[in-house]
Amino acid sequence: MNSPKSDLPQGTLDMLILQVVALAPIHGYAIAQRIRQISRDVFQVQQGSLYPALHRLENRGLLAAEWKESETGREAKFYHLTRMGHAQLKEETANWARLAEAVGLILQTAEGGTV
């Protein structure tokens, strides 16, 4: 079954990047691939969105990076979470869960469910 593609809701790309990077140090292209795979092709992060987000997160001190050889033998910038990045991810994850629950409640009510 071919699902329609979805744009990431405003503000969620940073959280998704932090979550993927929290799993293990990873380079930019692999971050985009992992997000696509985990979301079952629903989210496809383009380079024009990914790399500015990575730079922004690095500048904010949430990610750190070092150049290493990738699985293809080419040099790539591998990102990992900083202590601040772990704290930010925890906060954003909690906020997202609260938001998703609230949206779910509204959708249930709108469908004639009870709160």
PDB file of N, CA and C in Angstrom:
ATOM      1  N   MET A   1       0.850  -1.184   0.000  1.00  0.00           N
ATOM      2  CA  MET A   1       0.000   0.000   0.000  1.00  0.00           C
ATOM      3  C   MET A   1       0.885   1.234   0.000  1.00  0.00           C
ATOM      4  N   ASN A   2       0.605   2.185  -0.839  1.00  0.00           N
ATOM      5  CA  ASN A   2       1.408   3.377  -0.961  1.00  0.00           C
ATOM      6  C   ASN A   2       0.754   4.505  -0.175  1.00  0.00           C
ATOM      7  N   SER A   3       1.392   4.910   0.930  1.00  0.00           N
ATOM      8  CA  SER A   3       0.844   5.953   1.785  1.00  0.00           C
ATOM      9  C   SER A   3       1.208   7.325   1.239  1.00  0.00           C
ATOM     10  N   PRO A   4       0.343   8.309   1.450  1.00  0.00           N
ATOM     11  CA  PRO A   4       0.701   9.661   1.034  1.00  0.00           C
ATOM     12  C   PRO A   4       1.840  10.179   1.904  1.00  0.00           C
ATOM     13  N   LYS A   5       2.681  11.027   1.324  1.00  0.00           N
ATOM     14  CA  LYS A   5       3.782  11.630   2.065  1.00  0.00           C
ATOM     15  C   LYS A   5       3.228  12.759   2.927  1.00  0.00           C
ATOM     16  N   SER A   6       3.875  12.987   4.073  1.00  0.00           N
ATOM     17  CA  SER A   6       3.445  14.068   4.957  1.00  0.00           C
ATOM     18  C   SER A   6       4.611  14.988   5.257  1.00  0.00           C
ATOM     19  N   ASP A   7       4.318  16.262   5.355  1.00  0.00           N
ATOM     20  CA  ASP A   7       5.310  17.213   5.817  1.00  0.00           C
ATOM     21  C   ASP A   7       5.362  17.115   7.336  1.00  0.00           C
ATOM     22  N   LEU A   8       6.532  17.373   7.881  1.00  0.00           N
ATOM     23  CA  LEU A   8       6.650  17.366   9.335  1.00  0.00           C
ATOM     24  C   LEU A   8       5.931  18.578   9.904  1.00  0.00           C
ATOM     25  N   PRO A   9       5.140  18.395  10.943  1.00  0.00           N
ATOM     26  CA  PRO A   9       4.523  19.558  11.582  1.00  0.00           C
ATOM     27  C   PRO A   9       5.605  20.524  12.072  1.00  0.00           C
ATOM     28  N   GLN A  10       5.292  21.799  12.034  1.00  0.00           N
ATOM     29  CA  GLN A  10       6.228  22.843  12.448  1.00  0.00           C
ATOM     30  C   GLN A  10       6.833  22.512  13.821  1.00  0.00           C
ATOM     31  N   GLY A  11       8.155  22.583  13.908  1.00  0.00           N
ATOM     32  CA  GLY A  11       8.821  22.414  15.189  1.00  0.00           C
ATOM     33  C   GLY A  11       9.149  20.987  15.585  1.00  0.00           C
ATOM     34  N   THR A  12       8.745  19.994  14.815  1.00  0.00           N
ATOM     35  CA  THR A  12       9.008  18.612  15.236  1.00  0.00           C
ATOM     36  C   THR A  12      10.292  18.035  14.654  1.00  0.00           C
ATOM     37  N   LEU A  13      10.834  18.643  13.611  1.00  0.00           N
ATOM     38  CA  LEU A  13      12.046  18.102  13.001  1.00  0.00           C
ATOM     39  C   LEU A  13      13.189  18.034  14.008  1.00  0.00           C
ATOM     40  N   ASP A  14      13.379  19.096  14.791  1.00  0.00           N
ATOM     41  CA  ASP A  14      14.464  19.096  15.770  1.00  0.00           C
ATOM     42  C   ASP A  14      14.318  17.935  16.745  1.00  0.00           C
ATOM     43  N   MET A  15      13.103  17.708  17.239  1.00  0.00           N
ATOM     44  CA  MET A  15      12.865  16.624  18.186  1.00  0.00           C
ATOM     45  C   MET A  15      13.164  15.266  17.542  1.00  0.00           C
ATOM     46  N   LEU A  16      12.742  15.071  16.303  1.00  0.00           N
ATOM     47  CA  LEU A  16      12.993  13.798  15.625  1.00  0.00           C
ATOM     48  C   LEU A  16      14.484  13.578  15.404  1.00  0.00           C
ATOM     49  N   ILE A  17      15.189  14.629  15.033  1.00  0.00           N
ATOM     50  CA  ILE A  17      16.638  14.520  14.870  1.00  0.00           C
ATOM     51  C   ILE A  17      17.287  14.152  16.195  1.00  0.00           C
ATOM     52  N   LEU A  18      16.914  14.832  17.268  1.00  0.00           N
ATOM     53  CA  LEU A  18      17.491  14.528  18.584  1.00  0.00           C
ATOM     54  C   LEU A  18      17.221  13.078  18.971  1.00  0.00           C
ATOM     55  N   GLN A  19      16.023  12.598  18.695  1.00  0.00           N
ATOM     56  CA  GLN A  19      15.680  11.216  19.044  1.00  0.00           C
ATOM     57  C   GLN A  19      16.525  10.222  18.262  1.00  0.00           C
ATOM     58  N   VAL A  20      16.694  10.443  16.982  1.00  0.00           N
ATOM     59  CA  VAL A  20      17.489   9.529  16.153  1.00  0.00           C
ATOM     60  C   VAL A  20      18.955   9.569  16.586  1.00  0.00           C
ATOM     61  N   VAL A  21      19.470  10.755  16.850  1.00  0.00           N
ATOM     62  CA  VAL A  21      20.866  10.886  17.260  1.00  0.00           C
ATOM     63  C   VAL A  21      21.084  10.279  18.647  1.00  0.00           C
ATOM     64  N   ALA A  22      20.055  10.285  19.492  1.00  0.00           N
ATOM     65  CA  ALA A  22      20.181   9.708  20.840  1.00  0.00           C
ATOM     66  C   ALA A  22      20.462   8.211  20.779  1.00  0.00           C
ATOM     67  N   LEU A  23      20.075   7.549  19.702  1.00  0.00           N
ATOM     68  CA  LEU A  23      20.262   6.104  19.582  1.00  0.00           C
ATOM     69  C   LEU A  23      21.732   5.739  19.440  1.00  0.00           C
ATOM     70  N   ALA A  24      22.482   6.526  18.670  1.00  0.00           N
ATOM     71  CA  ALA A  24      23.917   6.279  18.449  1.00  0.00           C
ATOM     72  C   ALA A  24      24.454   7.420  17.593  1.00  0.00           C
ATOM     73  N   PRO A  25      25.759   7.706  17.664  1.00  0.00           N
ATOM     74  CA  PRO A  25      26.325   8.721  16.773  1.00  0.00           C
ATOM     75  C   PRO A  25      26.017   8.357  15.318  1.00  0.00           C
ATOM     76  N   ILE A  26      25.667   9.380  14.531  1.00  0.00           N
ATOM     77  CA  ILE A  26      25.165   9.125  13.181  1.00  0.00           C
ATOM     78  C   ILE A  26      25.420  10.351  12.313  1.00  0.00           C
ATOM     79  N   HIS A  27      25.615  10.136  11.017  1.00  0.00           N
ATOM     80  CA  HIS A  27      25.838  11.255  10.099  1.00  0.00           C
ATOM     81  C   HIS A  27      24.517  11.711   9.483  1.00  0.00           C
ATOM     82  N   GLY A  28      24.550  12.891   8.881  1.00  0.00           N
ATOM     83  CA  GLY A  28      23.341  13.541   8.386  1.00  0.00           C
ATOM     84  C   GLY A  28      22.499  12.708   7.438  1.00  0.00           C
ATOM     85  N   TYR A  29      23.113  12.152   6.405  1.00  0.00           N
ATOM     86  CA  TYR A  29      22.341  11.364   5.446  1.00  0.00           C
ATOM     87  C   TYR A  29      21.645  10.192   6.142  1.00  0.00           C
ATOM     88  N   ALA A  30      22.349   9.545   7.067  1.00  0.00           N
ATOM     89  CA  ALA A  30      21.759   8.408   7.786  1.00  0.00           C
ATOM     90  C   ALA A  30      20.611   8.855   8.699  1.00  0.00           C
ATOM     91  N   ILE A  31      20.682  10.076   9.216  1.00  0.00           N
ATOM     92  CA  ILE A  31      19.580  10.604  10.037  1.00  0.00           C
ATOM     93  C   ILE A  31      18.316  10.683   9.191  1.00  0.00           C
ATOM     94  N   ALA A  32      18.438  11.258   7.993  1.00  0.00           N
ATOM     95  CA  ALA A  32      17.276  11.370   7.098  1.00  0.00           C
ATOM     96  C   ALA A  32      16.738   9.987   6.741  1.00  0.00           C
ATOM     97  N   GLN A  33      17.633   9.037   6.451  1.00  0.00           N
ATOM     98  CA  GLN A  33      17.212   7.681   6.111  1.00  0.00           C
ATOM     99  C   GLN A  33      16.503   7.017   7.284  1.00  0.00           C
ATOM    100  N   ARG A  34      17.030   7.174   8.479  1.00  0.00           N
ATOM    101  CA  ARG A  34      16.434   6.556   9.668  1.00  0.00           C
ATOM    102  C   ARG A  34      15.047   7.120   9.933  1.00  0.00           C
ATOM    103  N   ILE A  35      14.890   8.435   9.807  1.00  0.00           N
ATOM    104  CA  ILE A  35      13.563   9.042  10.005  1.00  0.00           C
ATOM    105  C   ILE A  35      12.580   8.486   8.975  1.00  0.00           C
ATOM    106  N   ARG A  36      13.028   8.373   7.734  1.00  0.00           N
ATOM    107  CA  ARG A  36      12.160   7.825   6.678  1.00  0.00           C
ATOM    108  C   ARG A  36      11.786   6.378   6.989  1.00  0.00           C
ATOM    109  N   GLN A  37      12.764   5.575   7.385  1.00  0.00           N
ATOM    110  CA  GLN A  37      12.515   4.160   7.673  1.00  0.00           C
ATOM    111  C   GLN A  37      11.570   3.987   8.862  1.00  0.00           C
ATOM    112  N   ILE A  38      11.879   4.659   9.963  1.00  0.00           N
ATOM    113  CA  ILE A  38      11.078   4.492  11.178  1.00  0.00           C
ATOM    114  C   ILE A  38       9.639   4.962  10.956  1.00  0.00           C
ATOM    115  N   SER A  39       9.470   6.031  10.171  1.00  0.00           N
ATOM    116  CA  SER A  39       8.118   6.551   9.917  1.00  0.00           C
ATOM    117  C   SER A  39       7.418   5.801   8.788  1.00  0.00           C
ATOM    118  N   ARG A  40       8.058   4.747   8.291  1.00  0.00           N
ATOM    119  CA  ARG A  40       7.507   3.949   7.186  1.00  0.00           C
ATOM    120  C   ARG A  40       7.210   4.815   5.972  1.00  0.00           C
ATOM    121  N   ASP A  41       8.168   5.644   5.630  1.00  0.00           N
ATOM    122  CA  ASP A  41       8.130   6.523   4.457  1.00  0.00           C
ATOM    123  C   ASP A  41       7.137   7.676   4.560  1.00  0.00           C
ATOM    124  N   VAL A  42       6.569   7.921   5.730  1.00  0.00           N
ATOM    125  CA  VAL A  42       5.652   9.050   5.871  1.00  0.00           C
ATOM    126  C   VAL A  42       6.437  10.356   5.892  1.00  0.00           C
ATOM    127  N   PHE A  43       7.551  10.397   6.641  1.00  0.00           N
ATOM    128  CA  PHE A  43       8.375  11.601   6.729  1.00  0.00           C
ATOM    129  C   PHE A  43       9.631  11.421   5.898  1.00  0.00           C
ATOM    130  N   GLN A  44       9.815  12.320   4.950  1.00  0.00           N
ATOM    131  CA  GLN A  44      11.029  12.327   4.145  1.00  0.00           C
ATOM    132  C   GLN A  44      11.670  13.693   4.296  1.00  0.00           C
ATOM    133  N   VAL A  45      12.768  13.732   5.041  1.00  0.00           N
ATOM    134  CA  VAL A  45      13.441  14.982   5.351  1.00  0.00           C
ATOM    135  C   VAL A  45      14.411  15.313   4.217  1.00  0.00           C
ATOM    136  N   GLN A  46      14.211  16.434   3.600  1.00  0.00           N
ATOM    137  CA  GLN A  46      15.070  16.886   2.505  1.00  0.00           C
ATOM    138  C   GLN A  46      16.332  17.535   3.064  1.00  0.00           C
ATOM    139  N   GLN A  47      17.413  17.474   2.289  1.00  0.00           N
ATOM    140  CA  GLN A  47      18.686  18.055   2.719  1.00  0.00           C
ATOM    141  C   GLN A  47      18.540  19.529   3.058  1.00  0.00           C
ATOM    142  N   GLY A  48      17.695  20.236   2.317  1.00  0.00           N
ATOM    143  CA  GLY A  48      17.495  21.667   2.559  1.00  0.00           C
ATOM    144  C   GLY A  48      16.850  21.975   3.899  1.00  0.00           C
ATOM    145  N   SER A  49      16.233  20.988   4.521  1.00  0.00           N
ATOM    146  CA  SER A  49      15.676  21.137   5.867  1.00  0.00           C
ATOM    147  C   SER A  49      16.588  20.514   6.910  1.00  0.00           C
ATOM    148  N   LEU A  50      17.174  19.368   6.568  1.00  0.00           N
ATOM    149  CA  LEU A  50      17.973  18.610   7.527  1.00  0.00           C
ATOM    150  C   LEU A  50      19.232  19.353   7.959  1.00  0.00           C
ATOM    151  N   TYR A  51      20.038  19.785   7.007  1.00  0.00           N
ATOM    152  CA  TYR A  51      21.333  20.352   7.366  1.00  0.00           C
ATOM    153  C   TYR A  51      21.226  21.684   8.108  1.00  0.00           C
ATOM    154  N   PRO A  52      20.312  22.578   7.738  1.00  0.00           N
ATOM    155  CA  PRO A  52      20.133  23.770   8.577  1.00  0.00           C
ATOM    156  C   PRO A  52      19.694  23.411  10.007  1.00  0.00           C
ATOM    157  N   ALA A  53      18.846  22.383  10.149  1.00  0.00           N
ATOM    158  CA  ALA A  53      18.412  21.956  11.488  1.00  0.00           C
ATOM    159  C   ALA A  53      19.601  21.406  12.283  1.00  0.00           C
ATOM    160  N   LEU A  54      20.452  20.603  11.638  1.00  0.00           N
ATOM    161  CA  LEU A  54      21.633  20.068  12.315  1.00  0.00           C
ATOM    162  C   LEU A  54      22.561  21.189  12.769  1.00  0.00           C
ATOM    163  N   HIS A  55      22.770  22.178  11.918  1.00  0.00           N
ATOM    164  CA  HIS A  55      23.620  23.320  12.283  1.00  0.00           C
ATOM    165  C   HIS A  55      23.004  24.107  13.435  1.00  0.00           C
ATOM    166  N   ARG A  56      21.697  24.311  13.384  1.00  0.00           N
ATOM    167  CA  ARG A  56      20.999  25.037  14.445  1.00  0.00           C
ATOM    168  C   ARG A  56      21.135  24.296  15.776  1.00  0.00           C
ATOM    169  N   LEU A  57      20.928  22.971  15.753  1.00  0.00           N
ATOM    170  CA  LEU A  57      21.032  22.181  16.984  1.00  0.00           C
ATOM    171  C   LEU A  57      22.463  22.172  17.521  1.00  0.00           C
ATOM    172  N   GLU A  58      23.421  22.139  16.618  1.00  0.00           N
ATOM    173  CA  GLU A  58      24.828  22.182  17.027  1.00  0.00           C
ATOM    174  C   GLU A  58      25.157  23.551  17.627  1.00  0.00           C
ATOM    175  N   ASN A  59      24.698  24.620  17.001  1.00  0.00           N
ATOM    176  CA  ASN A  59      24.941  25.974  17.510  1.00  0.00           C
ATOM    177  C   ASN A  59      24.287  26.207  18.864  1.00  0.00           C
ATOM    178  N   ARG A  60      23.173  25.548  19.117  1.00  0.00           N
ATOM    179  CA  ARG A  60      22.479  25.675  20.411  1.00  0.00           C
ATOM    180  C   ARG A  60      23.113  24.795  21.486  1.00  0.00           C
ATOM    181  N   GLY A  61      24.108  23.995  21.117  1.00  0.00           N
ATOM    182  CA  GLY A  61      24.787  23.143  22.089  1.00  0.00           C
ATOM    183  C   GLY A  61      24.054  21.849  22.381  1.00  0.00           C
ATOM    184  N   LEU A  62      23.071  21.482  21.541  1.00  0.00           N
ATOM    185  CA  LEU A  62      22.301  20.263  21.771  1.00  0.00           C
ATOM    186  C   LEU A  62      22.943  19.059  21.085  1.00  0.00           C
ATOM    187  N   LEU A  63      23.715  19.333  20.030  1.00  0.00           N
ATOM    188  CA  LEU A  63      24.455  18.296  19.323  1.00  0.00           C
ATOM    189  C   LEU A  63      25.927  18.697  19.280  1.00  0.00           C
ATOM    190  N   ALA A  64      26.787  17.699  19.265  1.00  0.00           N
ATOM    191  CA  ALA A  64      28.205  17.902  18.991  1.00  0.00           C
ATOM    192  C   ALA A  64      28.536  16.977  17.831  1.00  0.00           C
ATOM    193  N   ALA A  65      29.608  17.301  17.116  1.00  0.00           N
ATOM    194  CA  ALA A  65      29.922  16.509  15.934  1.00  0.00           C
ATOM    195  C   ALA A  65      31.427  16.353  15.777  1.00  0.00           C
ATOM    196  N   GLU A  66      31.782  15.271  15.107  1.00  0.00           N
ATOM    197  CA  GLU A  66      33.176  15.065  14.738  1.00  0.00           C
ATOM    198  C   GLU A  66      33.216  14.371  13.386  1.00  0.00           C
ATOM    199  N   TRP A  67      34.272  14.659  12.624  1.00  0.00           N
ATOM    200  CA  TRP A  67      34.448  14.050  11.317  1.00  0.00           C
ATOM    201  C   TRP A  67      35.047  12.670  11.485  1.00  0.00           C
ATOM    202  N   LYS A  68      34.402  11.686  10.859  1.00  0.00           N
ATOM    203  CA  LYS A  68      34.889  10.304  10.878  1.00  0.00           C
ATOM    204  C   LYS A  68      34.585   9.679   9.519  1.00  0.00           C
ATOM    205  N   GLU A  69      35.155   8.521   9.303  1.00  0.00           N
ATOM    206  CA  GLU A  69      34.894   7.793   8.066  1.00  0.00           C
ATOM    207  C   GLU A  69      33.543   7.081   8.173  1.00  0.00           C
ATOM    208  N   SER A  70      32.721   7.234   7.138  1.00  0.00           N
ATOM    209  CA  SER A  70      31.408   6.580   7.119  1.00  0.00           C
ATOM    210  C   SER A  70      31.544   5.167   6.583  1.00  0.00           C
ATOM    211  N   GLU A  71      30.422   4.459   6.547  1.00  0.00           N
ATOM    212  CA  GLU A  71      30.408   3.081   6.049  1.00  0.00           C
ATOM    213  C   GLU A  71      30.781   2.993   4.567  1.00  0.00           C
ATOM    214  N   THR A  72      30.686   4.123   3.855  1.00  0.00           N
ATOM    215  CA  THR A  72      31.060   4.131   2.438  1.00  0.00           C
ATOM    216  C   THR A  72      32.535   4.474   2.236  1.00  0.00           C
ATOM    217  N   GLY A  73      33.243   4.762   3.330  1.00  0.00           N
ATOM    218  CA  GLY A  73      34.657   5.110   3.243  1.00  0.00           C
ATOM    219  C   GLY A  73      34.909   6.597   3.070  1.00  0.00           C
ATOM    220  N   ARG A  74      33.847   7.368   2.984  1.00  0.00           N
ATOM    221  CA  ARG A  74      33.986   8.821   2.844  1.00  0.00           C
ATOM    222  C   ARG A  74      33.925   9.481   4.211  1.00  0.00           C
ATOM    223  N   GLU A  75      34.562  10.638   4.323  1.00  0.00           N
ATOM    224  CA  GLU A  75      34.494  11.409   5.565  1.00  0.00           C
ATOM    225  C   GLU A  75      33.089  11.986   5.718  1.00  0.00           C
ATOM    226  N   ALA A  76      32.556  11.902   6.923  1.00  0.00           N
ATOM    227  CA  ALA A  76      31.237  12.451   7.214  1.00  0.00           C
ATOM    228  C   ALA A  76      31.236  13.011   8.626  1.00  0.00           C
ATOM    229  N   LYS A  77      30.379  13.972   8.848  1.00  0.00           N
ATOM    230  CA  LYS A  77      30.244  14.583  10.161  1.00  0.00           C
ATOM    231  C   LYS A  77      29.252  13.744  10.961  1.00  0.00           C
ATOM    232  N   PHE A  78      29.722  13.106  12.040  1.00  0.00           N
ATOM    233  CA  PHE A  78      28.882  12.277  12.891  1.00  0.00           C
ATOM    234  C   PHE A  78      28.427  13.101  14.092  1.00  0.00           C
ATOM    235  N   TYR A  79      27.134  13.077  14.338  1.00  0.00           N
ATOM    236  CA  TYR A  79      26.531  13.861  15.408  1.00  0.00           C
ATOM    237  C   TYR A  79      26.216  12.973  16.611  1.00  0.00           C
ATOM    238  N   HIS A  80      26.352  13.554  17.810  1.00  0.00           N
ATOM    239  CA  HIS A  80      25.907  12.887  19.024  1.00  0.00           C
ATOM    240  C   HIS A  80      25.288  13.930  19.951  1.00  0.00           C
ATOM    241  N   LEU A  81      24.421  13.465  20.850  1.00  0.00           N
ATOM    242  CA  LEU A  81      23.746  14.368  21.777  1.00  0.00           C
ATOM    243  C   LEU A  81      24.703  14.820  22.868  1.00  0.00           C
ATOM    244  N   THR A  82      24.571  16.064  23.246  1.00  0.00           N
ATOM    245  CA  THR A  82      25.282  16.587  24.405  1.00  0.00           C
ATOM    246  C   THR A  82      24.388  16.384  25.631  1.00  0.00           C
ATOM    247  N   ARG A  83      24.894  16.720  26.781  1.00  0.00           N
ATOM    248  CA  ARG A  83      24.084  16.643  28.010  1.00  0.00           C
ATOM    249  C   ARG A  83      22.849  17.538  27.859  1.00  0.00           C
ATOM    250  N   MET A  84      23.054  18.745  27.307  1.00  0.00           N
ATOM    251  CA  MET A  84      21.920  19.655  27.071  1.00  0.00           C
ATOM    252  C   MET A  84      20.946  19.061  26.061  1.00  0.00           C
ATOM    253  N   GLY A  85      21.468  18.349  25.071  1.00  0.00           N
ATOM    254  CA  GLY A  85      20.619  17.719  24.071  1.00  0.00           C
ATOM    255  C   GLY A  85      19.720  16.650  24.671  1.00  0.00           C
ATOM    256  N   HIS A  86      20.275  15.866  25.593  1.00  0.00           N
ATOM    257  CA  HIS A  86      19.463  14.846  26.280  1.00  0.00           C
ATOM    258  C   HIS A  86      18.345  15.509  27.072  1.00  0.00           C
ATOM    259  N   ALA A  87      18.664  16.585  27.776  1.00  0.00           N
ATOM    260  CA  ALA A  87      17.649  17.293  28.570  1.00  0.00           C
ATOM    261  C   ALA A  87      16.572  17.888  27.666  1.00  0.00           C
ATOM    262  N   GLN A  88      16.992  18.482  26.559  1.00  0.00           N
ATOM    263  CA  GLN A  88      16.039  19.078  25.614  1.00  0.00           C
ATOM    264  C   GLN A  88      15.131  18.009  25.015  1.00  0.00           C
ATOM    265  N   LEU A  89      15.700  16.869  24.652  1.00  0.00           N
ATOM    266  CA  LEU A  89      14.902  15.777  24.085  1.00  0.00           C
ATOM    267  C   LEU A  89      13.864  15.303  25.085  1.00  0.00           C
ATOM    268  N   LYS A  90      14.254  15.159  26.321  1.00  0.00           N
ATOM    269  CA  LYS A  90      13.311  14.720  27.364  1.00  0.00           C
ATOM    270  C   LYS A  90      12.160  15.712  27.498  1.00  0.00           C
ATOM    271  N   GLU A  91      12.490  16.995  27.494  1.00  0.00           N
ATOM    272  CA  GLU A  91      11.462  18.033  27.620  1.00  0.00           C
ATOM    273  C   GLU A  91      10.540  18.056  26.398  1.00  0.00           C
ATOM    274  N   GLU A  92      11.124  18.003  25.206  1.00  0.00           N
ATOM    275  CA  GLU A  92      10.314  18.044  23.984  1.00  0.00           C
ATOM    276  C   GLU A  92       9.439  16.802  23.841  1.00  0.00           C
ATOM    277  N   THR A  93       9.958  15.652  24.251  1.00  0.00           N
ATOM    278  CA  THR A  93       9.183  14.410  24.189  1.00  0.00           C
ATOM    279  C   THR A  93       7.968  14.496  25.111  1.00  0.00           C
ATOM    280  N   ALA A  94       8.172  15.016  26.313  1.00  0.00           N
ATOM    281  CA  ALA A  94       7.056  15.178  27.257  1.00  0.00           C
ATOM    282  C   ALA A  94       6.021  16.166  26.713  1.00  0.00           C
ATOM    283  N   ASN A  95       6.489  17.271  26.140  1.00  0.00           N
ATOM    284  CA  ASN A  95       5.573  18.255  25.565  1.00  0.00           C
ATOM    285  C   ASN A  95       4.783  17.653  24.402  1.00  0.00           C
ATOM    286  N   TRP A  96       5.470  16.885  23.552  1.00  0.00           N
ATOM    287  CA  TRP A  96       4.802  16.266  22.403  1.00  0.00           C
ATOM    288  C   TRP A  96       3.750  15.259  22.870  1.00  0.00           C
ATOM    289  N   ALA A  97       4.070  14.464  23.874  1.00  0.00           N
ATOM    290  CA  ALA A  97       3.116  13.477  24.392  1.00  0.00           C
ATOM    291  C   ALA A  97       1.874  14.173  24.954  1.00  0.00           C
ATOM    292  N   ARG A  98       2.081  15.285  25.669  1.00  0.00           N
ATOM    293  CA  ARG A  98       0.952  16.043  26.235  1.00  0.00           C
ATOM    294  C   ARG A  98       0.103  16.623  25.103  1.00  0.00           C
ATOM    295  N   LEU A  99       0.746  17.171  24.075  1.00  0.00           N
ATOM    296  CA  LEU A  99       0.034  17.733  22.935  1.00  0.00           C
ATOM    297  C   LEU A  99      -0.751  16.659  22.185  1.00  0.00           C
ATOM    298  N   ALA A 100      -0.117  15.510  21.936  1.00  0.00           N
ATOM    299  CA  ALA A 100      -0.789  14.420  21.222  1.00  0.00           C
ATOM    300  C   ALA A 100      -1.999  13.919  22.003  1.00  0.00           C
ATOM    301  N   GLU A 101      -1.876  13.836  23.315  1.00  0.00           N
ATOM    302  CA  GLU A 101      -3.007  13.407  24.137  1.00  0.00           C
ATOM    303  C   GLU A 101      -4.158  14.410  24.034  1.00  0.00           C
ATOM    304  N   ALA A 102      -3.833  15.702  24.082  1.00  0.00           N
ATOM    305  CA  ALA A 102      -4.863  16.739  23.994  1.00  0.00           C
ATOM    306  C   ALA A 102      -5.557  16.701  22.630  1.00  0.00           C
ATOM    307  N   VAL A 103      -4.795  16.534  21.557  1.00  0.00           N
ATOM    308  CA  VAL A 103      -5.392  16.437  20.225  1.00  0.00           C
ATOM    309  C   VAL A 103      -6.292  15.211  20.153  1.00  0.00           C
ATOM    310  N   GLY A 104      -5.832  14.096  20.711  1.00  0.00           N
ATOM    311  CA  GLY A 104      -6.641  12.881  20.740  1.00  0.00           C
ATOM    312  C   GLY A 104      -7.961  13.094  21.455  1.00  0.00           C
ATOM    313  N   LEU A 105      -7.927  13.801  22.574  1.00  0.00           N
ATOM    314  CA  LEU A 105      -9.164  14.086  23.308  1.00  0.00           C
ATOM    315  C   LEU A 105     -10.123  14.923  22.474  1.00  0.00           C
ATOM    316  N   ILE A 106      -9.593  15.914  21.793  1.00  0.00           N
ATOM    317  CA  ILE A 106     -10.436  16.769  20.955  1.00  0.00           C
ATOM    318  C   ILE A 106     -11.025  15.963  19.811  1.00  0.00           C
ATOM    319  N   LEU A 107     -10.226  15.109  19.189  1.00  0.00           N
ATOM    320  CA  LEU A 107     -10.738  14.296  18.087  1.00  0.00           C
ATOM    321  C   LEU A 107     -11.806  13.322  18.573  1.00  0.00           C
ATOM    322  N   GLN A 108     -11.626  12.737  19.740  1.00  0.00           N
ATOM    323  CA  GLN A 108     -12.643  11.828  20.282  1.00  0.00           C
ATOM    324  C   GLN A 108     -13.941  12.562  20.528  1.00  0.00           C
ATOM    325  N   THR A 109     -13.848  13.771  21.087  1.00  0.00           N
ATOM    326  CA  THR A 109     -15.047  14.572  21.367  1.00  0.00           C
ATOM    327  C   THR A 109     -15.727  14.976  20.066  1.00  0.00           C
ATOM    328  N   ALA A 110     -14.930  15.352  19.076  1.00  0.00           N
ATOM    329  CA  ALA A 110     -15.473  15.764  17.792  1.00  0.00           C
ATOM    330  C   ALA A 110     -16.188  14.605  17.079  1.00  0.00           C
ATOM    331  N   GLU A 111     -15.767  13.373  17.391  1.00  0.00           N
ATOM    332  CA  GLU A 111     -16.383  12.189  16.775  1.00  0.00           C
ATOM    333  C   GLU A 111     -17.570  11.689  17.603  1.00  0.00           C
ATOM    334  N   GLY A 112     -17.952  12.431  18.614  1.00  0.00           N
ATOM    335  CA  GLY A 112     -19.104  12.052  19.424  1.00  0.00           C
ATOM    336  C   GLY A 112     -18.736  11.206  20.633  1.00  0.00           C
ATOM    337  N   GLY A 113     -17.437  11.074  20.884  1.00  0.00           N
ATOM    338  CA  GLY A 113     -16.989  10.329  22.060  1.00  0.00           C
ATOM    339  C   GLY A 113     -17.170  11.176  23.309  1.00  0.00           C
ATOM    340  N   THR A 114     -16.876  10.588  24.427  1.00  0.00           N
ATOM    341  CA  THR A 114     -16.976  11.313  25.685  1.00  0.00           C
ATOM    342  C   THR A 114     -15.585  11.545  26.243  1.00  0.00           C
ATOM    343  N   VAL A 115     -15.468  12.567  27.047  1.00  0.00           N
ATOM    344  CA  VAL A 115     -14.178  12.899  27.664  1.00  0.00           C
ATOM    345  C   VAL A 115     -14.141  12.383  29.068  1.00  0.00           C
TER     346      VAL A 115
END
